[in-house]
PDB file of N, CA and C in Angstrom:
ATOM      1  N   UNK A   1     118.742 106.051  92.473  1.00  0.00           N
ATOM      2  CA  UNK A   1     118.529 105.306  93.692  1.00  0.00           C
ATOM      3  C   UNK A   1     117.196 105.726  94.298  1.00  0.00           C
ATOM      4  N   UNK A   2     116.374 104.759  94.627  1.00  0.00           N
ATOM      5  CA  UNK A   2     115.052 105.083  95.165  1.00  0.00           C
ATOM      6  C   UNK A   2     115.097 105.173  96.684  1.00  0.00           C
ATOM      7  N   UNK A   3     114.252 106.029  97.212  1.00  0.00           N
ATOM      8  CA  UNK A   3     114.146 106.169  98.667  1.00  0.00           C
ATOM      9  C   UNK A   3     112.891 105.433  99.105  1.00  0.00           C
ATOM     10  N   UNK A   4     113.067 104.413  99.905  1.00  0.00           N
ATOM     11  CA  UNK A   4     111.923 103.628 100.367  1.00  0.00           C
ATOM     12  C   UNK A   4     111.553 104.054 101.778  1.00  0.00           C
ATOM     13  N   UNK A   5     110.269 104.238 101.987  1.00  0.00           N
ATOM     14  CA  UNK A   5     109.786 104.568 103.325  1.00  0.00           C
ATOM     15  C   UNK A   5     109.795 103.298 104.174  1.00  0.00           C
ATOM     16  N   UNK A   6     109.810 103.434 105.490  1.00  0.00           N
ATOM     17  CA  UNK A   6     109.774 102.240 106.353  1.00  0.00           C
ATOM     18  C   UNK A   6     108.532 101.377 106.118  1.00  0.00           C
ATOM     19  N   UNK A   7     107.405 102.018 105.781  1.00  0.00           N
ATOM     20  CA  UNK A   7     106.169 101.260 105.521  1.00  0.00           C
ATOM     21  C   UNK A   7     106.319 100.402 104.268  1.00  0.00           C
ATOM     22  N   UNK A   8     106.914 100.991 103.227  1.00  0.00           N
ATOM     23  CA  UNK A   8     107.103 100.245 101.982  1.00  0.00           C
ATOM     24  C   UNK A   8     108.090  99.092 102.195  1.00  0.00           C
ATOM     25  N   UNK A   9     109.139  99.352 102.969  1.00  0.00           N
ATOM     26  CA  UNK A   9     110.112  98.298 103.271  1.00  0.00           C
ATOM     27  C   UNK A   9     109.451  97.138 104.003  1.00  0.00           C
ATOM     28  N   UNK A  10     108.540  97.459 104.922  1.00  0.00           N
ATOM     29  CA  UNK A  10     107.840  96.416 105.677  1.00  0.00           C
ATOM     30  C   UNK A  10     106.977  95.572 104.744  1.00  0.00           C
ATOM     31  N   UNK A  11     106.300  96.219 103.793  1.00  0.00           N
ATOM     32  CA  UNK A  11     105.463  95.478 102.843  1.00  0.00           C
ATOM     33  C   UNK A  11     106.315  94.587 101.940  1.00  0.00           C
ATOM     34  N   UNK A  12     107.453  95.110 101.503  1.00  0.00           N
ATOM     35  CA  UNK A  12     108.351  94.315 100.665  1.00  0.00           C
ATOM     36  C   UNK A  12     108.918  93.128 101.442  1.00  0.00           C
ATOM     37  N   UNK A  13     109.228  93.356 102.711  1.00  0.00           N
ATOM     38  CA  UNK A  13     109.744  92.288 103.569  1.00  0.00           C
ATOM     39  C   UNK A  13     108.714  91.176 103.724  1.00  0.00           C
ATOM     40  N   UNK A  14     107.461  91.574 103.931  1.00  0.00           N
ATOM     41  CA  UNK A  14     106.383  90.595 104.096  1.00  0.00           C
ATOM     42  C   UNK A  14     106.191  89.792 102.807  1.00  0.00           C
ATOM     43  N   UNK A  15     106.236  90.476 101.661  1.00  0.00           N
ATOM     44  CA  UNK A  15     106.068  89.797 100.381  1.00  0.00           C
ATOM     45  C   UNK A  15     107.218  88.827 100.130  1.00  0.00           C
ATOM     46  N   UNK A  16     108.406  89.212 100.537  1.00  0.00           N
ATOM     47  CA  UNK A  16     109.564  88.333 100.362  1.00  0.00           C
ATOM     48  C   UNK A  16     109.457  87.091 101.232  1.00  0.00           C
ATOM     49  N   UNK A  17     108.959  87.269 102.447  1.00  0.00           N
ATOM     50  CA  UNK A  17     108.758  86.126 103.347  1.00  0.00           C
ATOM     51  C   UNK A  17     107.741  85.149 102.769  1.00  0.00           C
ATOM     52  N   UNK A  18     106.677  85.679 102.172  1.00  0.00           N
ATOM     53  CA  UNK A  18     105.628  84.820 101.617  1.00  0.00           C
ATOM     54  C   UNK A  18     106.089  84.093 100.357  1.00  0.00           C
ATOM     55  N   UNK A  19     107.068  84.658  99.657  1.00  0.00           N
ATOM     56  CA  UNK A  19     107.496  84.088  98.379  1.00  0.00           C
ATOM     57  C   UNK A  19     108.537  82.989  98.541  1.00  0.00           C
ATOM     58  N   UNK A  20     108.945  82.687  99.755  1.00  0.00           N
ATOM     59  CA  UNK A  20     109.984  81.669  99.933  1.00  0.00           C
ATOM     60  C   UNK A  20     109.398  80.265  99.766  1.00  0.00           C
ATOM     61  N   UNK A  21     110.225  79.289  99.396  1.00  0.00           N
ATOM     62  CA  UNK A  21     109.714  77.935  99.179  1.00  0.00           C
ATOM     63  C   UNK A  21     109.307  77.229 100.470  1.00  0.00           C
ATOM     64  N   UNK A  22     108.584  76.139 100.296  1.00  0.00           N
ATOM     65  CA  UNK A  22     108.152  75.330 101.444  1.00  0.00           C
ATOM     66  C   UNK A  22     109.392  74.674 102.051  1.00  0.00           C
ATOM     67  N   UNK A  23     109.544  74.711 103.379  1.00  0.00           N
ATOM     68  CA  UNK A  23     110.714  74.095 104.004  1.00  0.00           C
ATOM     69  C   UNK A  23     110.779  72.589 103.741  1.00  0.00           C
ATOM     70  N   UNK A  24     111.979  72.076 103.716  1.00  0.00           N
ATOM     71  CA  UNK A  24     112.199  70.668 103.402  1.00  0.00           C
ATOM     72  C   UNK A  24     111.538  69.745 104.420  1.00  0.00           C
ATOM     73  N   UNK A  25     111.587  70.123 105.709  1.00  0.00           N
ATOM     74  CA  UNK A  25     111.001  69.242 106.730  1.00  0.00           C
ATOM     75  C   UNK A  25     109.487  69.121 106.554  1.00  0.00           C
ATOM     76  N   UNK A  26     108.840  70.148 106.014  1.00  0.00           N
ATOM     77  CA  UNK A  26     107.392  70.087 105.770  1.00  0.00           C
ATOM     78  C   UNK A  26     107.113  69.114 104.634  1.00  0.00           C
ATOM     79  N   UNK A  27     107.937  69.176 103.589  1.00  0.00           N
ATOM     80  CA  UNK A  27     107.766  68.242 102.468  1.00  0.00           C
ATOM     81  C   UNK A  27     107.914  66.798 102.928  1.00  0.00           C
ATOM     82  N   UNK A  28     108.901  66.548 103.759  1.00  0.00           N
ATOM     83  CA  UNK A  28     109.146  65.185 104.254  1.00  0.00           C
ATOM     84  C   UNK A  28     108.023  64.746 105.184  1.00  0.00           C
ATOM     85  N   UNK A  29     107.619  65.640 106.087  1.00  0.00           N
ATOM     86  CA  UNK A  29     106.594  65.316 107.088  1.00  0.00           C
ATOM     87  C   UNK A  29     105.246  64.983 106.444  1.00  0.00           C
ATOM     88  N   UNK A  30     104.913  65.662 105.338  1.00  0.00           N
ATOM     89  CA  UNK A  30     103.625  65.445 104.682  1.00  0.00           C
ATOM     90  C   UNK A  30     103.702  64.390 103.586  1.00  0.00           C
ATOM     91  N   UNK A  31     104.834  63.721 103.474  1.00  0.00           N
ATOM     92  CA  UNK A  31     104.963  62.697 102.435  1.00  0.00           C
ATOM     93  C   UNK A  31     104.925  63.295 101.045  1.00  0.00           C
ATOM     94  N   UNK A  32     105.491  64.464 100.871  1.00  0.00           N
ATOM     95  CA  UNK A  32     105.570  65.214  99.611  1.00  0.00           C
ATOM     96  C   UNK A  32     104.210  65.591  99.044  1.00  0.00           C
ATOM     97  N   UNK A  33     103.177  65.670  99.902  1.00  0.00           N
ATOM     98  CA  UNK A  33     101.868  66.143  99.432  1.00  0.00           C
ATOM     99  C   UNK A  33     101.872  67.662  99.329  1.00  0.00           C
ATOM    100  N   UNK A  34     102.594  68.302 100.251  1.00  0.00           N
ATOM    101  CA  UNK A  34     102.716  69.761 100.215  1.00  0.00           C
ATOM    102  C   UNK A  34     104.063  70.079  99.586  1.00  0.00           C
ATOM    103  N   UNK A  35     104.032  70.556  98.341  1.00  0.00           N
ATOM    104  CA  UNK A  35     105.281  70.848  97.632  1.00  0.00           C
ATOM    105  C   UNK A  35     105.413  72.333  97.294  1.00  0.00           C
ATOM    106  N   UNK A  36     104.294  73.003  97.096  1.00  0.00           N
ATOM    107  CA  UNK A  36     104.357  74.406  96.675  1.00  0.00           C
ATOM    108  C   UNK A  36     103.570  75.291  97.627  1.00  0.00           C
ATOM    109  N   UNK A  37     103.833  76.578  97.538  1.00  0.00           N
ATOM    110  CA  UNK A  37     103.127  77.580  98.326  1.00  0.00           C
ATOM    111  C   UNK A  37     102.197  78.341  97.390  1.00  0.00           C
ATOM    112  N   UNK A  38     100.935  78.578  97.781  1.00  0.00           N
ATOM    113  CA  UNK A  38     100.043  79.336  96.900  1.00  0.00           C
ATOM    114  C   UNK A  38     100.503  80.779  96.701  1.00  0.00           C
ATOM    115  N   UNK A  39     101.269  81.313  97.647  1.00  0.00           N
ATOM    116  CA  UNK A  39     101.722  82.706  97.546  1.00  0.00           C
ATOM    117  C   UNK A  39     103.049  82.831  96.806  1.00  0.00           C
ATOM    118  N   UNK A  40     103.551  81.740  96.240  1.00  0.00           N
ATOM    119  CA  UNK A  40     104.844  81.783  95.540  1.00  0.00           C
ATOM    120  C   UNK A  40     104.763  82.760  94.382  1.00  0.00           C
ATOM    121  N   UNK A  41     105.822  83.551  94.200  1.00  0.00           N
ATOM    122  CA  UNK A  41     105.814  84.603  93.190  1.00  0.00           C
ATOM    123  C   UNK A  41     107.239  84.805  92.694  1.00  0.00           C
ATOM    124  N   UNK A  42     107.367  85.010  91.392  1.00  0.00           N
ATOM    125  CA  UNK A  42     108.680  85.301  90.820  1.00  0.00           C
ATOM    126  C   UNK A  42     108.800  86.805  90.637  1.00  0.00           C
ATOM    127  N   UNK A  43     109.936  87.355  91.011  1.00  0.00           N
ATOM    128  CA  UNK A  43     110.110  88.810  91.031  1.00  0.00           C
ATOM    129  C   UNK A  43     109.994  89.440  89.657  1.00  0.00           C
ATOM    130  N   UNK A  44     110.285  88.681  88.613  1.00  0.00           N
ATOM    131  CA  UNK A  44     110.263  89.270  87.284  1.00  0.00           C
ATOM    132  C   UNK A  44     108.925  89.068  86.582  1.00  0.00           C
ATOM    133  N   UNK A  45     108.191  88.042  86.963  1.00  0.00           N
ATOM    134  CA  UNK A  45     106.950  87.712  86.260  1.00  0.00           C
ATOM    135  C   UNK A  45     105.738  88.430  86.837  1.00  0.00           C
ATOM    136  N   UNK A  46     105.563  88.368  88.134  1.00  0.00           N
ATOM    137  CA  UNK A  46     104.377  88.978  88.749  1.00  0.00           C
ATOM    138  C   UNK A  46     104.818  90.125  89.639  1.00  0.00           C
ATOM    139  N   UNK A  47     104.362  91.316  89.318  1.00  0.00           N
ATOM    140  CA  UNK A  47     104.752  92.500  90.071  1.00  0.00           C
ATOM    141  C   UNK A  47     103.801  92.724  91.243  1.00  0.00           C
ATOM    142  N   UNK A  48     104.337  93.273  92.311  1.00  0.00           N
ATOM    143  CA  UNK A  48     103.540  93.586  93.494  1.00  0.00           C
ATOM    144  C   UNK A  48     102.846  94.926  93.299  1.00  0.00           C
ATOM    145  N   UNK A  49     101.656  95.030  93.847  1.00  0.00           N
ATOM    146  CA  UNK A  49     100.953  96.308  93.802  1.00  0.00           C
ATOM    147  C   UNK A  49     101.172  96.996  95.143  1.00  0.00           C
ATOM    148  N   UNK A  50     102.350  97.582  95.302  1.00  0.00           N
ATOM    149  CA  UNK A  50     102.693  98.254  96.554  1.00  0.00           C
ATOM    150  C   UNK A  50     102.756  99.747  96.297  1.00  0.00           C
ATOM    151  N   UNK A  51     101.995 100.470  97.085  1.00  0.00           N
ATOM    152  CA  UNK A  51     102.015 101.930  96.952  1.00  0.00           C
ATOM    153  C   UNK A  51     103.093 102.500  97.860  1.00  0.00           C
ATOM    154  N   UNK A  52     103.452 103.748  97.600  1.00  0.00           N
ATOM    155  CA  UNK A  52     104.522 104.380  98.392  1.00  0.00           C
ATOM    156  C   UNK A  52     104.119 104.734  99.768  1.00  0.00           C
TER     157      UNK A  52
END
């Protein structure tokens, strides 16, 4: 079991927030022009460079 510092937890939280999909109301409002987020990331494919 790893011990995460509060700073590391905050960075992971921020990365998780950025990796979420575009909300449905945004897709509808923009006429489906905005479908993806440039910060989208898959947890298994692209690893974060977060230091302890």
